Protein backbone atom coordinates (compact mmCIF):
# COMPACT_ATOMS: atom_id res chain seq x y z
CA MET A 1 -44.94 24.74 -6.82
CA THR A 2 -42.11 23.79 -4.40
CA SER A 3 -40.89 20.64 -3.32
CA THR A 4 -40.43 20.10 0.16
CA ALA A 5 -36.85 18.36 -1.22
CA GLN A 6 -36.04 21.95 -2.74
CA GLU A 7 -37.17 24.03 0.13
CA PRO A 8 -34.34 25.49 2.24
CA ALA A 9 -34.14 23.73 6.19
CA THR A 10 -34.25 27.24 7.66
CA THR A 11 -38.22 26.97 6.03
CA ARG A 12 -39.10 23.63 7.64
CA GLU A 13 -37.20 24.54 10.67
CA PHE A 14 -40.00 27.47 11.11
CA VAL A 15 -42.65 25.44 10.06
CA LYS A 16 -42.45 22.76 12.56
CA GLN A 17 -41.16 25.74 15.55
CA SER A 18 -44.68 27.68 14.60
CA SER A 19 -47.21 27.67 17.32
CA LEU A 20 -49.72 26.60 14.74
CA TYR A 21 -47.77 23.51 13.58
CA GLN A 22 -47.53 22.59 16.73
CA GLU A 23 -50.91 22.83 18.21
CA PHE A 24 -52.00 20.59 14.93
CA LEU A 25 -49.27 18.34 16.41
CA ALA A 26 -51.49 18.30 19.89
CA GLU A 27 -54.33 18.14 18.63
CA ARG A 28 -53.31 14.77 16.07
CA GLU A 29 -52.30 13.02 19.67
CA GLU A 30 -54.57 13.33 21.36
CA ILE A 31 -56.85 12.34 18.50
CA LEU A 32 -54.43 8.83 18.30
CA LYS A 33 -55.09 8.42 21.83
CA HIS A 34 -58.52 8.74 22.19
CA LYS A 35 -58.08 5.92 18.60
CA TRP A 36 -56.14 3.72 21.05
CA LEU A 37 -58.33 4.18 24.64
CA GLU A 38 -62.07 3.50 21.67
CA SER A 39 -60.57 0.29 20.03
CA GLU A 40 -59.22 -0.63 22.74
CA ARG A 41 -62.68 -0.40 25.26
CA LEU A 42 -64.30 -2.29 21.93
CA GLY A 43 -62.80 -4.92 20.42
CA TYR A 44 -60.96 -3.29 16.91
CA ASP A 45 -59.94 -1.07 15.52
CA ILE A 46 -62.45 1.99 14.84
CA GLY A 47 -59.28 3.96 11.99
CA PHE A 48 -58.92 7.35 12.05
CA GLU A 49 -61.66 8.79 10.67
CA ARG A 50 -64.10 6.83 13.36
CA ALA A 51 -61.87 8.24 16.05
CA LEU A 52 -61.07 11.95 14.68
CA LEU A 53 -65.32 12.53 14.57
CA ASP A 54 -65.84 10.92 17.81
CA TRP A 55 -62.73 12.88 19.92
CA ILE A 56 -64.41 16.35 17.64
CA ARG A 57 -67.92 15.95 19.01
CA LYS A 58 -66.55 14.55 23.16
CA HIS A 59 -63.38 16.08 24.00
CA ARG A 60 -62.20 19.26 21.72
CA GLU A 61 -64.13 21.69 23.38
CA SER A 62 -62.89 21.76 26.62
CA TRP A 63 -59.08 19.98 25.47
CA ARG A 64 -59.03 23.27 23.72
CA ALA A 65 -59.92 25.82 27.10
CA ALA A 66 -57.54 23.54 28.33
CA ARG A 67 -54.70 23.93 26.04
CA ARG A 68 -56.02 27.74 26.41
CA GLN A 69 -55.71 28.43 30.16
CA GLN A 70 -52.51 26.42 30.16
CA VAL A 71 -50.82 28.54 27.50
CA ALA A 72 -52.62 31.95 29.46
CA ALA A 73 -50.86 30.32 32.79
CA GLY A 74 -47.69 29.85 31.31
CA THR A 75 -47.57 26.43 31.70
CA PRO A 76 -46.21 23.53 29.46
CA ALA A 77 -49.27 21.62 27.78
CA THR A 78 -48.90 18.11 30.09
CA GLU A 79 -50.52 15.18 29.15
CA LYS A 80 -54.26 14.76 28.86
CA LYS A 81 -56.49 11.70 29.20
CA ALA A 82 -58.58 12.35 25.77
CA SER A 83 -61.29 9.54 26.91
């Protein structure tokens, strides 16, 4: 098994530019926004795991549907409010 330090830079760049990785980053950003909003609303840090589970339950399906529509329309992804 090779470590990240031994991987060629081109391999790391390929991964960073892959659509799967880009989707992961976009989803992660939405979860972090949700975490911030819910933590502010409740007055304490709810933690990433709680935010993740709450976001999946409440927002993931509609977020993914909107994301698919954006991709199909060929428009760039826009910032969307998590709540």
